[in-house]
């Protein structure tokens, strides 16, 4: 099963996880807040600072994708997501998505985050 690691203290992040969980009708994703030591124990080690900066998607084999790089795979795992995921193959889209992801992640405190990572500038 694929595992999405996110900031469980962040209201903004939890909201998106809730959307993904509703869309994941085939239960292909498992959601683990990075604050859950028990949930992380069975996954490859990822530095805490990296977890505070971006979501991480871990494949069943242990491969790790972070931030916007995880988006096409997440989309492909969801029903109807293959077409939107294919847009990431268009030249420049992945770079643009990465920039947008970084801006949103850095400013999630303005989007209702509430997390300690946001207050520290994580």
PDB file of N, CA and C in Angstrom:
ATOM      1  N   UNK A   1       0.848  -1.186   0.000  1.00  0.00           N
ATOM      2  CA  UNK A   1       0.000   0.000   0.000  1.00  0.00           C
ATOM      3  C   UNK A   1       0.887   1.240   0.000  1.00  0.00           C
ATOM      4  N   UNK A   2       0.443   2.242  -0.694  1.00  0.00           N
ATOM      5  CA  UNK A   2       1.138   3.529  -0.725  1.00  0.00           C
ATOM      6  C   UNK A   2       0.834   4.283   0.561  1.00  0.00           C
ATOM      7  N   UNK A   3       1.808   5.012   1.087  1.00  0.00           N
ATOM      8  CA  UNK A   3       1.625   5.772   2.324  1.00  0.00           C
ATOM      9  C   UNK A   3       1.917   7.239   2.071  1.00  0.00           C
ATOM     10  N   UNK A   4       0.968   8.092   2.415  1.00  0.00           N
ATOM     11  CA  UNK A   4       1.151   9.536   2.316  1.00  0.00           C
ATOM     12  C   UNK A   4       1.422  10.071   3.719  1.00  0.00           C
ATOM     13  N   UNK A   5       2.580  10.661   3.901  1.00  0.00           N
ATOM     14  CA  UNK A   5       2.965  11.239   5.189  1.00  0.00           C
ATOM     15  C   UNK A   5       2.703  12.743   5.097  1.00  0.00           C
ATOM     16  N   UNK A   6       2.016  13.279   6.092  1.00  0.00           N
ATOM     17  CA  UNK A   6       1.619  14.683   6.066  1.00  0.00           C
ATOM     18  C   UNK A   6       1.725  15.258   7.482  1.00  0.00           C
ATOM     19  N   UNK A   7       1.541  16.571   7.598  1.00  0.00           N
ATOM     20  CA  UNK A   7       1.571  17.244   8.897  1.00  0.00           C
ATOM     21  C   UNK A   7       0.180  17.123   9.530  1.00  0.00           C
ATOM     22  N   UNK A   8       0.066  16.237  10.497  1.00  0.00           N
ATOM     23  CA  UNK A   8      -1.212  16.001  11.158  1.00  0.00           C
ATOM     24  C   UNK A   8      -1.671  17.134  12.054  1.00  0.00           C
ATOM     25  N   UNK A   9      -0.770  18.070  12.359  1.00  0.00           N
ATOM     26  CA  UNK A   9      -1.152  19.228  13.164  1.00  0.00           C
ATOM     27  C   UNK A   9      -1.681  20.374  12.302  1.00  0.00           C
ATOM     28  N   UNK A  10      -1.525  20.257  10.997  1.00  0.00           N
ATOM     29  CA  UNK A  10      -1.880  21.334  10.069  1.00  0.00           C
ATOM     30  C   UNK A  10      -3.317  21.163   9.578  1.00  0.00           C
ATOM     31  N   UNK A  11      -4.179  22.122   9.895  1.00  0.00           N
ATOM     32  CA  UNK A  11      -5.581  22.064   9.437  1.00  0.00           C
ATOM     33  C   UNK A  11      -5.667  22.061   7.918  1.00  0.00           C
ATOM     34  N   UNK A  12      -4.833  22.855   7.268  1.00  0.00           N
ATOM     35  CA  UNK A  12      -4.812  22.919   5.806  1.00  0.00           C
ATOM     36  C   UNK A  12      -4.461  21.535   5.235  1.00  0.00           C
ATOM     37  N   UNK A  13      -3.427  20.916   5.780  1.00  0.00           N
ATOM     38  CA  UNK A  13      -2.990  19.585   5.318  1.00  0.00           C
ATOM     39  C   UNK A  13      -4.057  18.528   5.595  1.00  0.00           C
ATOM     40  N   UNK A  14      -4.632  18.566   6.784  1.00  0.00           N
ATOM     41  CA  UNK A  14      -5.683  17.596   7.129  1.00  0.00           C
ATOM     42  C   UNK A  14      -6.882  17.731   6.197  1.00  0.00           C
ATOM     43  N   UNK A  15      -7.183  18.959   5.801  1.00  0.00           N
ATOM     44  CA  UNK A  15      -8.292  19.176   4.869  1.00  0.00           C
ATOM     45  C   UNK A  15      -8.031  18.494   3.534  1.00  0.00           C
ATOM     46  N   UNK A  16      -6.819  18.613   3.011  1.00  0.00           N
ATOM     47  CA  UNK A  16      -6.483  17.962   1.748  1.00  0.00           C
ATOM     48  C   UNK A  16      -6.449  16.449   1.896  1.00  0.00           C
ATOM     49  N   UNK A  17      -5.968  15.965   3.030  1.00  0.00           N
ATOM     50  CA  UNK A  17      -5.965  14.520   3.271  1.00  0.00           C
ATOM     51  C   UNK A  17      -7.405  14.006   3.301  1.00  0.00           C
ATOM     52  N   UNK A  18      -8.296  14.763   3.886  1.00  0.00           N
ATOM     53  CA  UNK A  18      -9.709  14.380   3.923  1.00  0.00           C
ATOM     54  C   UNK A  18     -10.281  14.272   2.503  1.00  0.00           C
ATOM     55  N   UNK A  19      -9.939  15.217   1.650  1.00  0.00           N
ATOM     56  CA  UNK A  19     -10.387  15.173   0.251  1.00  0.00           C
ATOM     57  C   UNK A  19      -9.834  13.929  -0.436  1.00  0.00           C
ATOM     58  N   UNK A  20      -8.530  13.682  -0.271  1.00  0.00           N
ATOM     59  CA  UNK A  20      -7.910  12.510  -0.898  1.00  0.00           C
ATOM     60  C   UNK A  20      -8.530  11.211  -0.387  1.00  0.00           C
ATOM     61  N   UNK A  21      -8.800  11.149   0.907  1.00  0.00           N
ATOM     62  CA  UNK A  21      -9.390   9.935   1.487  1.00  0.00           C
ATOM     63  C   UNK A  21     -10.774   9.663   0.891  1.00  0.00           C
ATOM     64  N   UNK A  22     -11.548  10.717   0.665  1.00  0.00           N
ATOM     65  CA  UNK A  22     -12.872  10.540   0.050  1.00  0.00           C
ATOM     66  C   UNK A  22     -12.753  10.081  -1.400  1.00  0.00           C
ATOM     67  N   UNK A  23     -11.755  10.608  -2.113  1.00  0.00           N
ATOM     68  CA  UNK A  23     -11.568  10.245  -3.518  1.00  0.00           C
ATOM     69  C   UNK A  23     -10.968   8.845  -3.679  1.00  0.00           C
ATOM     70  N   UNK A  24     -10.273   8.377  -2.663  1.00  0.00           N
ATOM     71  CA  UNK A  24      -9.576   7.085  -2.711  1.00  0.00           C
ATOM     72  C   UNK A  24     -10.549   5.940  -2.436  1.00  0.00           C
ATOM     73  N   UNK A  25     -11.479   5.739  -3.340  1.00  0.00           N
ATOM     74  CA  UNK A  25     -12.522   4.722  -3.153  1.00  0.00           C
ATOM     75  C   UNK A  25     -11.982   3.297  -3.203  1.00  0.00           C
ATOM     76  N   UNK A  26     -10.786   3.117  -3.742  1.00  0.00           N
ATOM     77  CA  UNK A  26     -10.180   1.780  -3.798  1.00  0.00           C
ATOM     78  C   UNK A  26      -9.233   1.518  -2.624  1.00  0.00           C
ATOM     79  N   UNK A  27      -9.142   2.467  -1.716  1.00  0.00           N
ATOM     80  CA  UNK A  27      -8.280   2.342  -0.525  1.00  0.00           C
ATOM     81  C   UNK A  27      -6.842   1.972  -0.896  1.00  0.00           C
ATOM     82  N   UNK A  28      -6.275   2.726  -1.804  1.00  0.00           N
ATOM     83  CA  UNK A  28      -4.903   2.478  -2.238  1.00  0.00           C
ATOM     84  C   UNK A  28      -3.893   3.302  -1.445  1.00  0.00           C
ATOM     85  N   UNK A  29      -4.390   4.279  -0.693  1.00  0.00           N
ATOM     86  CA  UNK A  29      -3.515   5.151   0.087  1.00  0.00           C
ATOM     87  C   UNK A  29      -3.746   4.953   1.575  1.00  0.00           C
ATOM     88  N   UNK A  30      -2.670   5.007   2.315  1.00  0.00           N
ATOM     89  CA  UNK A  30      -2.728   5.035   3.774  1.00  0.00           C
ATOM     90  C   UNK A  30      -2.169   6.390   4.167  1.00  0.00           C
ATOM     91  N   UNK A  31      -2.794   7.043   5.128  1.00  0.00           N
ATOM     92  CA  UNK A  31      -2.406   8.387   5.532  1.00  0.00           C
ATOM     93  C   UNK A  31      -1.793   8.337   6.924  1.00  0.00           C
ATOM     94  N   UNK A  32      -0.585   8.877   7.051  1.00  0.00           N
ATOM     95  CA  UNK A  32       0.131   8.842   8.329  1.00  0.00           C
ATOM     96  C   UNK A  32       0.640  10.247   8.640  1.00  0.00           C
ATOM     97  N   UNK A  33       0.216  10.823   9.755  1.00  0.00           N
ATOM     98  CA  UNK A  33       0.801  12.109  10.143  1.00  0.00           C
ATOM     99  C   UNK A  33       2.252  11.907  10.559  1.00  0.00           C
ATOM    100  N   UNK A  34       3.121  12.863  10.213  1.00  0.00           N
ATOM    101  CA  UNK A  34       4.531  12.675  10.550  1.00  0.00           C
ATOM    102  C   UNK A  34       4.771  12.733  12.059  1.00  0.00           C
ATOM    103  N   UNK A  35       3.775  13.139  12.812  1.00  0.00           N
ATOM    104  CA  UNK A  35       3.889  13.157  14.269  1.00  0.00           C
ATOM    105  C   UNK A  35       3.672  11.762  14.879  1.00  0.00           C
ATOM    106  N   UNK A  36       3.259  10.793  14.076  1.00  0.00           N
ATOM    107  CA  UNK A  36       2.971   9.446  14.568  1.00  0.00           C
ATOM    108  C   UNK A  36       4.209   8.556  14.492  1.00  0.00           C
ATOM    109  N   UNK A  37       4.910   8.424  15.612  1.00  0.00           N
ATOM    110  CA  UNK A  37       6.105   7.575  15.642  1.00  0.00           C
ATOM    111  C   UNK A  37       5.757   6.147  15.257  1.00  0.00           C
ATOM    112  N   UNK A  38       4.623   5.667  15.720  1.00  0.00           N
ATOM    113  CA  UNK A  38       4.206   4.294  15.401  1.00  0.00           C
ATOM    114  C   UNK A  38       3.948   4.140  13.901  1.00  0.00           C
ATOM    115  N   UNK A  39       3.317   5.120  13.289  1.00  0.00           N
ATOM    116  CA  UNK A  39       3.036   5.059  11.861  1.00  0.00           C
ATOM    117  C   UNK A  39       4.282   5.137  11.006  1.00  0.00           C
ATOM    118  N   UNK A  40       5.283   5.895  11.466  1.00  0.00           N
ATOM    119  CA  UNK A  40       6.519   6.056  10.706  1.00  0.00           C
ATOM    120  C   UNK A  40       7.477   4.892  10.892  1.00  0.00           C
ATOM    121  N   UNK A  41       7.323   4.168  11.978  1.00  0.00           N
ATOM    122  CA  UNK A  41       8.266   3.102  12.323  1.00  0.00           C
ATOM    123  C   UNK A  41       8.441   2.082  11.204  1.00  0.00           C
ATOM    124  N   UNK A  42       7.376   1.795  10.491  1.00  0.00           N
ATOM    125  CA  UNK A  42       7.425   0.768   9.446  1.00  0.00           C
ATOM    126  C   UNK A  42       7.818   1.318   8.073  1.00  0.00           C
ATOM    127  N   UNK A  43       8.206   2.602   8.012  1.00  0.00           N
ATOM    128  CA  UNK A  43       8.553   3.250   6.747  1.00  0.00           C
ATOM    129  C   UNK A  43      10.046   3.570   6.701  1.00  0.00           C
ATOM    130  N   UNK A  44      10.571   3.830   5.501  1.00  0.00           N
ATOM    131  CA  UNK A  44      11.972   4.245   5.415  1.00  0.00           C
ATOM    132  C   UNK A  44      12.179   5.545   6.203  1.00  0.00           C
ATOM    133  N   UNK A  45      13.357   5.712   6.798  1.00  0.00           N
ATOM    134  CA  UNK A  45      13.600   6.938   7.569  1.00  0.00           C
ATOM    135  C   UNK A  45      13.659   8.173   6.665  1.00  0.00           C
ATOM    136  N   UNK A  46      12.979   9.220   7.108  1.00  0.00           N
ATOM    137  CA  UNK A  46      12.980  10.516   6.418  1.00  0.00           C
ATOM    138  C   UNK A  46      13.259  11.550   7.496  1.00  0.00           C
ATOM    139  N   UNK A  47      14.209  12.467   7.279  1.00  0.00           N
ATOM    140  CA  UNK A  47      14.505  13.474   8.298  1.00  0.00           C
ATOM    141  C   UNK A  47      13.268  14.284   8.693  1.00  0.00           C
ATOM    142  N   UNK A  48      13.134  14.556   9.979  1.00  0.00           N
ATOM    143  CA  UNK A  48      11.981  15.299  10.494  1.00  0.00           C
ATOM    144  C   UNK A  48      11.827  16.653   9.817  1.00  0.00           C
ATOM    145  N   UNK A  49      12.926  17.342   9.546  1.00  0.00           N
ATOM    146  CA  UNK A  49      12.852  18.653   8.896  1.00  0.00           C
ATOM    147  C   UNK A  49      12.230  18.526   7.499  1.00  0.00           C
ATOM    148  N   UNK A  50      12.549  17.469   6.789  1.00  0.00           N
ATOM    149  CA  UNK A  50      11.967  17.255   5.457  1.00  0.00           C
ATOM    150  C   UNK A  50      10.476  16.970   5.572  1.00  0.00           C
ATOM    151  N   UNK A  51      10.091  16.189   6.586  1.00  0.00           N
ATOM    152  CA  UNK A  51       8.674  15.877   6.783  1.00  0.00           C
ATOM    153  C   UNK A  51       7.878  17.135   7.123  1.00  0.00           C
ATOM    154  N   UNK A  52       8.492  18.067   7.845  1.00  0.00           N
ATOM    155  CA  UNK A  52       7.810  19.308   8.217  1.00  0.00           C
ATOM    156  C   UNK A  52       7.648  20.241   7.016  1.00  0.00           C
ATOM    157  N   UNK A  53       8.500  20.076   5.999  1.00  0.00           N
ATOM    158  CA  UNK A  53       8.463  20.956   4.822  1.00  0.00           C
ATOM    159  C   UNK A  53       7.498  20.507   3.740  1.00  0.00           C
ATOM    160  N   UNK A  54       7.277  19.200   3.618  1.00  0.00           N
ATOM    161  CA  UNK A  54       6.493  18.716   2.474  1.00  0.00           C
ATOM    162  C   UNK A  54       5.872  17.362   2.773  1.00  0.00           C
ATOM    163  N   UNK A  55       4.790  17.066   2.053  1.00  0.00           N
ATOM    164  CA  UNK A  55       4.225  15.717   2.123  1.00  0.00           C
ATOM    165  C   UNK A  55       5.215  14.763   1.476  1.00  0.00           C
ATOM    166  N   UNK A  56       5.143  13.515   1.891  1.00  0.00           N
ATOM    167  CA  UNK A  56       5.984  12.470   1.316  1.00  0.00           C
ATOM    168  C   UNK A  56       5.106  11.268   0.990  1.00  0.00           C
ATOM    169  N   UNK A  57       5.292  10.733  -0.200  1.00  0.00           N
ATOM    170  CA  UNK A  57       4.569   9.541  -0.623  1.00  0.00           C
ATOM    171  C   UNK A  57       5.572   8.399  -0.689  1.00  0.00           C
ATOM    172  N   UNK A  58       5.274   7.328   0.034  1.00  0.00           N
ATOM    173  CA  UNK A  58       6.158   6.162   0.073  1.00  0.00           C
ATOM    174  C   UNK A  58       5.470   5.016  -0.652  1.00  0.00           C
ATOM    175  N   UNK A  59       6.179   4.451  -1.641  1.00  0.00           N
ATOM    176  CA  UNK A  59       5.629   3.333  -2.405  1.00  0.00           C
ATOM    177  C   UNK A  59       5.670   2.061  -1.574  1.00  0.00           C
ATOM    178  N   UNK A  60       4.940   1.031  -1.991  1.00  0.00           N
ATOM    179  CA  UNK A  60       4.993  -0.251  -1.282  1.00  0.00           C
ATOM    180  C   UNK A  60       6.415  -0.824  -1.225  1.00  0.00           C
ATOM    181  N   UNK A  61       7.251  -0.453  -2.198  1.00  0.00           N
ATOM    182  CA  UNK A  61       8.632  -0.937  -2.234  1.00  0.00           C
ATOM    183  C   UNK A  61       9.590  -0.055  -1.436  1.00  0.00           C
ATOM    184  N   UNK A  62       9.100   1.101  -0.932  1.00  0.00           N
ATOM    185  CA  UNK A  62       9.933   1.988  -0.126  1.00  0.00           C
ATOM    186  C   UNK A  62      10.508   3.181  -0.861  1.00  0.00           C
ATOM    187  N   UNK A  63      10.158   3.374  -2.143  1.00  0.00           N
ATOM    188  CA  UNK A  63      10.591   4.564  -2.872  1.00  0.00           C
ATOM    189  C   UNK A  63       9.847   5.775  -2.312  1.00  0.00           C
ATOM    190  N   UNK A  64      10.511   6.924  -2.291  1.00  0.00           N
ATOM    191  CA  UNK A  64       9.951   8.125  -1.672  1.00  0.00           C
ATOM    192  C   UNK A  64       9.863   9.252  -2.685  1.00  0.00           C
ATOM    193  N   UNK A  65       8.695   9.880  -2.747  1.00  0.00           N
ATOM    194  CA  UNK A  65       8.471  11.084  -3.550  1.00  0.00           C
ATOM    195  C   UNK A  65       8.014  12.174  -2.593  1.00  0.00           C
ATOM    196  N   UNK A  66       8.532  13.393  -2.783  1.00  0.00           N
ATOM    197  CA  UNK A  66       8.186  14.485  -1.861  1.00  0.00           C
ATOM    198  C   UNK A  66       7.556  15.656  -2.605  1.00  0.00           C
ATOM    199  N   UNK A  67       6.672  16.362  -1.906  1.00  0.00           N
ATOM    200  CA  UNK A  67       6.066  17.570  -2.443  1.00  0.00           C
ATOM    201  C   UNK A  67       5.318  17.323  -3.737  1.00  0.00           C
ATOM    202  N   UNK A  68       5.481  18.272  -4.676  1.00  0.00           N
ATOM    203  CA  UNK A  68       4.763  18.184  -5.952  1.00  0.00           C
ATOM    204  C   UNK A  68       5.173  16.965  -6.761  1.00  0.00           C
ATOM    205  N   UNK A  69       6.363  16.432  -6.531  1.00  0.00           N
ATOM    206  CA  UNK A  69       6.799  15.234  -7.260  1.00  0.00           C
ATOM    207  C   UNK A  69       5.891  14.041  -6.957  1.00  0.00           C
ATOM    208  N   UNK A  70       5.199  14.075  -5.829  1.00  0.00           N
ATOM    209  CA  UNK A  70       4.282  12.991  -5.463  1.00  0.00           C
ATOM    210  C   UNK A  70       2.918  13.132  -6.140  1.00  0.00           C
ATOM    211  N   UNK A  71       2.577  14.321  -6.593  1.00  0.00           N
ATOM    212  CA  UNK A  71       1.231  14.588  -7.114  1.00  0.00           C
ATOM    213  C   UNK A  71       0.812  13.688  -8.269  1.00  0.00           C
ATOM    214  N   UNK A  72       1.640  13.491  -9.309  1.00  0.00           N
ATOM    215  CA  UNK A  72       1.164  12.635 -10.407  1.00  0.00           C
ATOM    216  C   UNK A  72       0.879  11.203  -9.960  1.00  0.00           C
ATOM    217  N   UNK A  73       1.696  10.677  -9.066  1.00  0.00           N
ATOM    218  CA  UNK A  73       1.466   9.317  -8.584  1.00  0.00           C
ATOM    219  C   UNK A  73       0.194   9.253  -7.757  1.00  0.00           C
ATOM    220  N   UNK A  74      -0.011  10.236  -6.897  1.00  0.00           N
ATOM    221  CA  UNK A  74      -1.242  10.279  -6.098  1.00  0.00           C
ATOM    222  C   UNK A  74      -2.450  10.312  -7.031  1.00  0.00           C
ATOM    223  N   UNK A  75      -2.390  11.158  -8.039  1.00  0.00           N
ATOM    224  CA  UNK A  75      -3.507  11.245  -8.991  1.00  0.00           C
ATOM    225  C   UNK A  75      -3.755   9.911  -9.681  1.00  0.00           C
ATOM    226  N   UNK A  76      -2.681   9.233 -10.112  1.00  0.00           N
ATOM    227  CA  UNK A  76      -2.847   7.941 -10.795  1.00  0.00           C
ATOM    228  C   UNK A  76      -3.461   6.885  -9.881  1.00  0.00           C
ATOM    229  N   UNK A  77      -3.270   7.013  -8.586  1.00  0.00           N
ATOM    230  CA  UNK A  77      -3.836   6.046  -7.643  1.00  0.00           C
ATOM    231  C   UNK A  77      -5.334   6.255  -7.427  1.00  0.00           C
ATOM    232  N   UNK A  78      -5.833   7.423  -7.776  1.00  0.00           N
ATOM    233  CA  UNK A  78      -7.242   7.750  -7.555  1.00  0.00           C
ATOM    234  C   UNK A  78      -8.070   7.444  -8.795  1.00  0.00           C
ATOM    235  N   UNK A  79      -9.317   7.022  -8.599  1.00  0.00           N
ATOM    236  CA  UNK A  79     -10.189   6.786  -9.752  1.00  0.00           C
ATOM    237  C   UNK A  79     -10.305   8.056 -10.596  1.00  0.00           C
ATOM    238  N   UNK A  80     -10.115   7.918 -11.896  1.00  0.00           N
ATOM    239  CA  UNK A  80     -10.218   9.056 -12.802  1.00  0.00           C
ATOM    240  C   UNK A  80      -9.017   9.966 -12.804  1.00  0.00           C
ATOM    241  N   UNK A  81      -7.971   9.596 -12.107  1.00  0.00           N
ATOM    242  CA  UNK A  81      -6.818  10.478 -11.978  1.00  0.00           C
ATOM    243  C   UNK A  81      -5.754  10.348 -13.046  1.00  0.00           C
ATOM    244  N   UNK A  82      -5.881   9.358 -13.922  1.00  0.00           N
ATOM    245  CA  UNK A  82      -4.831   9.149 -14.949  1.00  0.00           C
ATOM    246  C   UNK A  82      -4.716  10.342 -15.908  1.00  0.00           C
ATOM    247  N   UNK A  83      -5.824  10.886 -16.322  1.00  0.00           N
ATOM    248  CA  UNK A  83      -5.778  12.014 -17.256  1.00  0.00           C
ATOM    249  C   UNK A  83      -5.136  13.232 -16.596  1.00  0.00           C
ATOM    250  N   UNK A  84      -5.593  13.652 -15.404  1.00  0.00           N
ATOM    251  CA  UNK A  84      -4.912  14.798 -14.781  1.00  0.00           C
ATOM    252  C   UNK A  84      -3.425  14.514 -14.520  1.00  0.00           C
ATOM    253  N   UNK A  85      -3.086  13.283 -14.147  1.00  0.00           N
ATOM    254  CA  UNK A  85      -1.678  12.934 -13.895  1.00  0.00           C
ATOM    255  C   UNK A  85      -0.855  13.068 -15.164  1.00  0.00           C
ATOM    256  N   UNK A  86      -1.461  12.774 -16.309  1.00  0.00           N
ATOM    257  CA  UNK A  86      -0.725  12.846 -17.574  1.00  0.00           C
ATOM    258  C   UNK A  86      -0.302  14.272 -17.914  1.00  0.00           C
ATOM    259  N   UNK A  87      -0.979  15.261 -17.339  1.00  0.00           N
ATOM    260  CA  UNK A  87      -0.598  16.658 -17.586  1.00  0.00           C
ATOM    261  C   UNK A  87       0.815  16.957 -17.087  1.00  0.00           C
ATOM    262  N   UNK A  88       1.288  16.187 -16.103  1.00  0.00           N
ATOM    263  CA  UNK A  88       2.632  16.407 -15.581  1.00  0.00           C
ATOM    264  C   UNK A  88       3.710  16.036 -16.604  1.00  0.00           C
ATOM    265  N   UNK A  89       3.325  15.338 -17.685  1.00  0.00           N
ATOM    266  CA  UNK A  89       4.276  15.000 -18.750  1.00  0.00           C
ATOM    267  C   UNK A  89       4.472  16.166 -19.723  1.00  0.00           C
ATOM    268  N   UNK A  90       3.583  17.155 -19.664  1.00  0.00           N
ATOM    269  CA  UNK A  90       3.714  18.330 -20.527  1.00  0.00           C
ATOM    270  C   UNK A  90       4.932  19.128 -20.054  1.00  0.00           C
ATOM    271  N   UNK A  91       5.812  19.486 -20.984  1.00  0.00           N
ATOM    272  CA  UNK A  91       7.011  20.231 -20.586  1.00  0.00           C
ATOM    273  C   UNK A  91       6.672  21.473 -19.756  1.00  0.00           C
ATOM    274  N   UNK A  92       7.350  21.590 -18.634  1.00  0.00           N
ATOM    275  CA  UNK A  92       7.186  22.748 -17.760  1.00  0.00           C
ATOM    276  C   UNK A  92       6.168  22.586 -16.651  1.00  0.00           C
ATOM    277  N   UNK A  93       5.227  21.660 -16.801  1.00  0.00           N
ATOM    278  CA  UNK A  93       4.159  21.519 -15.804  1.00  0.00           C
ATOM    279  C   UNK A  93       4.727  21.071 -14.456  1.00  0.00           C
ATOM    280  N   UNK A  94       5.623  20.104 -14.456  1.00  0.00           N
ATOM    281  CA  UNK A  94       6.195  19.619 -13.193  1.00  0.00           C
ATOM    282  C   UNK A  94       6.979  20.728 -12.496  1.00  0.00           C
ATOM    283  N   UNK A  95       7.706  21.528 -13.261  1.00  0.00           N
ATOM    284  CA  UNK A  95       8.463  22.640 -12.665  1.00  0.00           C
ATOM    285  C   UNK A  95       7.507  23.668 -12.075  1.00  0.00           C
ATOM    286  N   UNK A  96       6.470  24.004 -12.817  1.00  0.00           N
ATOM    287  CA  UNK A  96       5.457  24.945 -12.336  1.00  0.00           C
ATOM    288  C   UNK A  96       4.764  24.411 -11.088  1.00  0.00           C
ATOM    289  N   UNK A  97       4.385  23.134 -11.111  1.00  0.00           N
ATOM    290  CA  UNK A  97       3.727  22.523  -9.952  1.00  0.00           C
ATOM    291  C   UNK A  97       4.647  22.546  -8.735  1.00  0.00           C
ATOM    292  N   UNK A  98       5.929  22.291  -8.940  1.00  0.00           N
ATOM    293  CA  UNK A  98       6.883  22.332  -7.835  1.00  0.00           C
ATOM    294  C   UNK A  98       6.970  23.721  -7.216  1.00  0.00           C
ATOM    295  N   UNK A  99       6.990  24.737  -8.067  1.00  0.00           N
ATOM    296  CA  UNK A  99       7.029  26.116  -7.564  1.00  0.00           C
ATOM    297  C   UNK A  99       5.771  26.472  -6.794  1.00  0.00           C
ATOM    298  N   UNK A 100       4.626  26.093  -7.327  1.00  0.00           N
ATOM    299  CA  UNK A 100       3.359  26.365  -6.651  1.00  0.00           C
ATOM    300  C   UNK A 100       3.317  25.623  -5.313  1.00  0.00           C
ATOM    301  N   UNK A 101       3.739  24.362  -5.316  1.00  0.00           N
ATOM    302  CA  UNK A 101       3.737  23.584  -4.071  1.00  0.00           C
ATOM    303  C   UNK A 101       4.599  24.272  -3.012  1.00  0.00           C
ATOM    304  N   UNK A 102       5.804  24.696  -3.394  1.00  0.00           N
ATOM    305  CA  UNK A 102       6.702  25.346  -2.421  1.00  0.00           C
ATOM    306  C   UNK A 102       6.095  26.633  -1.862  1.00  0.00           C
ATOM    307  N   UNK A 103       5.460  27.422  -2.714  1.00  0.00           N
ATOM    308  CA  UNK A 103       4.839  28.672  -2.249  1.00  0.00           C
ATOM    309  C   UNK A 103       3.705  28.366  -1.274  1.00  0.00           C
ATOM    310  N   UNK A 104       2.846  27.409  -1.624  1.00  0.00           N
ATOM    311  CA  UNK A 104       1.736  27.047  -0.739  1.00  0.00           C
ATOM    312  C   UNK A 104       2.267  26.481   0.574  1.00  0.00           C
ATOM    313  N   UNK A 105       3.252  25.582   0.501  1.00  0.00           N
ATOM    314  CA  UNK A 105       3.799  24.972   1.715  1.00  0.00           C
ATOM    315  C   UNK A 105       4.418  26.025   2.636  1.00  0.00           C
ATOM    316  N   UNK A 106       5.131  26.980   2.058  1.00  0.00           N
ATOM    317  CA  UNK A 106       5.750  28.034   2.872  1.00  0.00           C
ATOM    318  C   UNK A 106       4.716  28.978   3.480  1.00  0.00           C
ATOM    319  N   UNK A 107       3.564  29.072   2.850  1.00  0.00           N
ATOM    320  CA  UNK A 107       2.541  30.028   3.300  1.00  0.00           C
ATOM    321  C   UNK A 107       1.300  29.362   3.875  1.00  0.00           C
ATOM    322  N   UNK A 108       1.385  28.087   4.206  1.00  0.00           N
ATOM    323  CA  UNK A 108       0.194  27.388   4.709  1.00  0.00           C
ATOM    324  C   UNK A 108      -0.290  27.971   6.030  1.00  0.00           C
ATOM    325  N   UNK A 109       0.596  28.637   6.770  1.00  0.00           N
ATOM    326  CA  UNK A 109       0.161  29.297   8.012  1.00  0.00           C
ATOM    327  C   UNK A 109      -0.897  30.358   7.710  1.00  0.00           C
ATOM    328  N   UNK A 110      -0.864  30.922   6.523  1.00  0.00           N
ATOM    329  CA  UNK A 110      -1.867  31.917   6.117  1.00  0.00           C
ATOM    330  C   UNK A 110      -3.154  31.257   5.639  1.00  0.00           C
ATOM    331  N   UNK A 111      -3.097  29.945   5.454  1.00  0.00           N
ATOM    332  CA  UNK A 111      -4.255  29.197   4.955  1.00  0.00           C
ATOM    333  C   UNK A 111      -4.914  28.404   6.069  1.00  0.00           C
ATOM    334  N   UNK A 112      -4.614  28.752   7.329  1.00  0.00           N
ATOM    335  CA  UNK A 112      -5.256  28.102   8.458  1.00  0.00           C
ATOM    336  C   UNK A 112      -4.515  26.920   9.031  1.00  0.00           C
ATOM    337  N   UNK A 113      -3.224  26.812   8.773  1.00  0.00           N
ATOM    338  CA  UNK A 113      -2.455  25.643   9.198  1.00  0.00           C
ATOM    339  C   UNK A 113      -2.563  25.396  10.693  1.00  0.00           C
ATOM    340  N   UNK A 114      -2.044  26.284  11.519  1.00  0.00           N
ATOM    341  CA  UNK A 114      -2.085  26.115  12.959  1.00  0.00           C
ATOM    342  C   UNK A 114      -1.022  25.185  13.514  1.00  0.00           C
ATOM    343  N   UNK A 115      -0.175  24.606  12.683  1.00  0.00           N
ATOM    344  CA  UNK A 115       0.831  23.631  13.107  1.00  0.00           C
ATOM    345  C   UNK A 115       2.054  24.302  13.705  1.00  0.00           C
ATOM    346  N   UNK A 116       2.720  23.600  14.611  1.00  0.00           N
ATOM    347  CA  UNK A 116       3.981  24.094  15.187  1.00  0.00           C
ATOM    348  C   UNK A 116       5.011  24.258  14.085  1.00  0.00           C
ATOM    349  N   UNK A 117       5.018  23.369  13.097  1.00  0.00           N
ATOM    350  CA  UNK A 117       5.964  23.489  11.978  1.00  0.00           C
ATOM    351  C   UNK A 117       5.761  24.802  11.242  1.00  0.00           C
ATOM    352  N   UNK A 118       4.509  25.215  11.071  1.00  0.00           N
ATOM    353  CA  UNK A 118       4.234  26.495  10.401  1.00  0.00           C
ATOM    354  C   UNK A 118       4.714  27.659  11.260  1.00  0.00           C
ATOM    355  N   UNK A 119       4.460  27.589  12.546  1.00  0.00           N
ATOM    356  CA  UNK A 119       4.872  28.683  13.422  1.00  0.00           C
ATOM    357  C   UNK A 119       6.385  28.837  13.458  1.00  0.00           C
ATOM    358  N   UNK A 120       7.112  27.718  13.266  1.00  0.00           N
ATOM    359  CA  UNK A 120       8.581  27.772  13.227  1.00  0.00           C
ATOM    360  C   UNK A 120       9.088  28.131  11.834  1.00  0.00           C
ATOM    361  N   UNK A 121       8.188  28.158  10.859  1.00  0.00           N
ATOM    362  CA  UNK A 121       8.616  28.428   9.481  1.00  0.00           C
ATOM    363  C   UNK A 121       9.009  27.165   8.760  1.00  0.00           C
ATOM    364  N   UNK A 122       8.519  25.980   9.272  1.00  0.00           N
ATOM    365  CA  UNK A 122       8.849  24.690   8.691  1.00  0.00           C
ATOM    366  C   UNK A 122       8.285  24.516   7.344  1.00  0.00           C
TER     367      UNK A 122
END
